[in-house]
Amino acid sequence: MKRREALKTLGLAAAGLVTLPAWASGWTARDVAIKSSTFSSTEQALLASVADTIIPAKNNVGAIPQEVHKFLVRLFDECYEKEKRENIKRQLNVMNNLAMKDFDSSFMDSSQQQREQILLSFSESEDESEQEFFQLVKIETIRGFRTSKVVMQDYHGYRLVPGFYNGNVDVEA
């Protein structure tokens, strides 16, 4: 009978949910290792520099302190098609070569103003793939920053679920 299967599945799920907090207690971000990425270490560093250019660190709040670059790498690896990832990789390489040509240093070693200049040239470019790269990285960097713990809890005052409940409130009639 399907009812027996459903009850068995429900029982196993409930047992798993009950044991999960005890089993996963003490986990940290370092314990949950990031899988190998399709982005090389240089590409990850370039992506971190782009995120830092878009939201620079100020008073320990910015893209790098909030680890937005790790969010971007994981997001692009797991949620975007191969074509988009290849375009991101290609544009990171173009961006780095442009910095080498214009400023005699890599994009990562360029100043904040120089990096901004390169990114703005991508946003105003005639090449659609450069514009697409800039828009995608900018939007996802902002999303990663806005949904970070510091911004959500300290700035917006977000409370984690289940939140606060006061069942004994006086109501004037």
Protein backbone atom coordinates (compact mmCIF):
# COMPACT_ATOMS: atom_id res chain seq x y z
CA MET A 1 0.00 0.00 0.00
CA LYS A 2 1.13 3.52 -0.70
CA ARG A 3 0.02 4.64 2.76
CA ARG A 4 2.63 2.42 4.41
CA GLU A 5 5.37 3.76 2.13
CA ALA A 6 4.33 7.33 2.90
CA LEU A 7 4.35 6.71 6.66
CA LYS A 8 7.75 5.03 6.46
CA THR A 9 9.18 7.94 4.46
CA LEU A 10 7.64 10.47 6.83
CA GLY A 11 9.08 8.64 9.85
CA LEU A 12 12.57 8.55 8.34
CA ALA A 13 12.39 12.23 7.45
CA ALA A 14 11.28 13.15 10.98
CA ALA A 15 14.09 11.08 12.50
CA GLY A 16 16.60 12.78 10.22
CA LEU A 17 15.37 16.24 11.19
CA VAL A 18 15.56 15.39 14.88
CA THR A 19 19.15 14.11 14.67
CA LEU A 20 20.45 16.81 12.28
CA PRO A 21 21.09 19.56 14.88
CA ALA A 22 23.11 17.21 17.10
CA TRP A 23 25.03 15.84 14.16
CA ALA A 24 25.79 19.22 12.55
CA SER A 25 26.52 21.20 15.73
CA GLY A 26 29.81 23.00 15.64
CA TRP A 27 30.05 23.18 11.87
CA THR A 28 31.85 26.20 10.52
CA ALA A 29 32.29 27.56 7.01
CA ARG A 30 35.75 25.97 6.89
CA ASP A 31 34.32 22.55 7.77
CA VAL A 32 31.99 22.67 4.81
CA ALA A 33 34.61 22.69 2.07
CA ILE A 34 33.89 24.26 -1.28
CA LYS A 35 33.98 21.77 -4.10
CA SER A 36 36.59 22.21 -6.75
CA SER A 37 35.71 25.07 -9.03
CA THR A 38 35.76 25.47 -12.78
CA PHE A 39 37.48 28.82 -12.14
CA SER A 40 41.25 28.79 -11.72
CA SER A 41 42.82 30.45 -8.69
CA THR A 42 43.82 33.43 -10.87
CA GLU A 43 40.25 33.79 -12.17
CA GLN A 44 38.93 33.58 -8.61
CA ALA A 45 41.36 36.31 -7.53
CA LEU A 46 40.28 38.46 -10.49
CA LEU A 47 36.63 37.92 -9.56
CA ALA A 48 37.46 38.96 -5.99
CA SER A 49 39.12 42.12 -7.32
CA VAL A 50 36.05 42.93 -9.40
CA ALA A 51 33.79 42.44 -6.37
CA ASP A 52 36.12 44.63 -4.29
CA THR A 53 36.01 47.31 -6.97
CA ILE A 54 32.21 47.30 -7.04
CA ILE A 55 31.82 47.30 -3.23
CA PRO A 56 35.12 48.38 -1.63
CA ALA A 57 35.77 47.59 2.02
CA LYS A 58 35.09 50.36 4.49
CA ASN A 59 35.11 49.79 8.27
CA ASN A 60 35.35 46.03 7.69
CA VAL A 61 32.17 46.05 5.59
CA GLY A 62 32.57 45.38 1.90
CA ALA A 63 32.58 42.63 -0.69
CA ILE A 64 35.83 40.99 0.44
CA PRO A 65 35.18 40.95 4.22
CA GLN A 66 31.71 39.50 3.55
CA GLU A 67 33.27 36.87 1.23
CA VAL A 68 31.10 37.87 -1.71
CA HIS A 69 33.81 36.59 -4.07
CA LYS A 70 33.31 33.05 -2.72
CA PHE A 71 29.58 33.45 -3.22
CA LEU A 72 30.17 34.52 -6.81
CA VAL A 73 32.44 31.59 -7.61
CA ARG A 74 29.97 29.09 -6.15
CA LEU A 75 27.00 30.81 -7.81
CA PHE A 76 28.60 30.88 -11.25
CA ASP A 77 29.80 27.28 -10.89
CA GLU A 78 26.50 25.81 -9.79
CA CYS A 79 23.77 28.06 -11.15
CA TYR A 80 24.90 29.31 -14.55
CA GLU A 81 25.27 27.50 -17.84
CA LYS A 82 28.66 26.65 -19.26
CA GLU A 83 28.32 29.39 -21.91
CA LYS A 84 27.93 32.08 -19.24
CA ARG A 85 30.86 30.71 -17.22
CA GLU A 86 33.05 30.67 -20.32
CA ASN A 87 32.09 34.28 -21.08
CA ILE A 88 32.96 35.28 -17.51
CA LYS A 89 36.34 33.56 -17.78
CA ARG A 90 37.01 35.13 -21.16
CA GLN A 91 36.09 38.63 -19.96
CA LEU A 92 38.20 38.26 -16.82
CA ASN A 93 41.15 37.45 -19.05
CA VAL A 94 40.36 40.41 -21.36
CA MET A 95 40.04 42.68 -18.34
CA ASN A 96 43.40 41.56 -16.95
CA ASN A 97 45.11 41.99 -20.33
CA LEU A 98 43.59 45.46 -20.66
CA ALA A 99 45.01 46.42 -17.25
CA MET A 100 48.44 45.08 -18.26
CA LYS A 101 48.31 47.08 -21.50
CA ASP A 102 47.03 50.35 -20.02
CA PHE A 103 48.60 50.38 -16.55
CA ASP A 104 51.53 47.92 -16.74
CA SER A 105 50.09 45.91 -13.86
CA SER A 106 47.50 43.18 -13.45
CA PHE A 107 43.92 44.08 -12.68
CA MET A 108 44.41 42.86 -9.11
CA ASP A 109 47.44 45.12 -8.59
CA SER A 110 45.85 48.20 -10.18
CA SER A 111 44.51 51.04 -8.08
CA GLN A 112 40.81 51.38 -7.27
CA GLN A 113 40.41 54.19 -9.85
CA GLN A 114 42.13 52.19 -12.57
CA ARG A 115 39.95 49.14 -11.87
CA GLU A 116 36.84 51.32 -11.94
CA GLN A 117 37.94 52.79 -15.26
CA ILE A 118 38.32 49.31 -16.78
CA LEU A 119 34.95 48.13 -15.46
CA LEU A 120 33.23 51.27 -16.73
CA SER A 121 34.75 50.70 -20.14
CA PHE A 122 33.12 47.25 -20.08
CA SER A 123 29.74 48.76 -19.20
CA GLU A 124 29.98 51.24 -22.08
CA SER A 125 31.48 48.80 -24.56
CA GLU A 126 29.99 48.08 -27.98
CA ASP A 127 30.72 44.39 -27.42
CA GLU A 128 27.57 42.74 -26.07
CA SER A 129 29.50 40.01 -24.22
CA GLU A 130 31.49 42.63 -22.27
CA GLN A 131 28.31 44.48 -21.31
CA GLU A 132 26.66 41.20 -20.31
CA PHE A 133 29.68 40.28 -18.16
CA PHE A 134 29.67 43.64 -16.41
CA GLN A 135 25.94 43.60 -15.72
CA LEU A 136 25.96 40.02 -14.47
CA VAL A 137 28.91 40.44 -12.13
CA LYS A 138 27.63 43.77 -10.83
CA ILE A 139 24.12 42.47 -10.10
CA GLU A 140 25.34 39.27 -8.45
CA THR A 141 27.96 41.10 -6.38
CA ILE A 142 25.32 43.47 -5.05
CA ARG A 143 22.96 40.55 -4.35
CA GLY A 144 25.70 38.63 -2.54
CA PHE A 145 26.56 41.66 -0.42
CA ARG A 146 22.96 42.59 0.38
CA THR A 147 22.15 39.06 1.52
CA SER A 148 25.24 38.71 3.73
CA LYS A 149 24.80 38.29 7.47
CA VAL A 150 26.29 41.67 8.38
CA VAL A 151 24.02 43.61 6.04
CA MET A 152 20.86 41.62 6.77
CA GLN A 153 21.18 41.52 10.56
CA ASP A 154 23.16 44.62 11.47
CA TYR A 155 21.85 47.05 8.87
CA HIS A 156 18.33 45.83 8.07
CA GLY A 157 17.65 44.35 11.51
CA TYR A 158 16.61 41.01 10.07
CA ARG A 159 15.76 38.31 12.60
CA LEU A 160 16.27 34.68 11.79
CA VAL A 161 13.31 32.33 11.75
CA PRO A 162 11.25 31.70 13.84
CA GLY A 163 11.75 35.24 15.02
CA PHE A 164 10.11 36.77 18.06
CA TYR A 165 6.65 35.81 19.25
CA ASN A 166 4.82 37.30 22.19
CA GLY A 167 1.54 35.49 22.70
CA ASN A 168 0.49 37.61 25.67
CA VAL A 169 -0.23 41.06 24.30
CA ASP A 170 -2.80 43.44 25.73
CA VAL A 171 -5.25 44.60 23.09
CA GLU A 172 -7.41 47.68 23.52
CA ALA A 173 -10.97 47.12 22.40
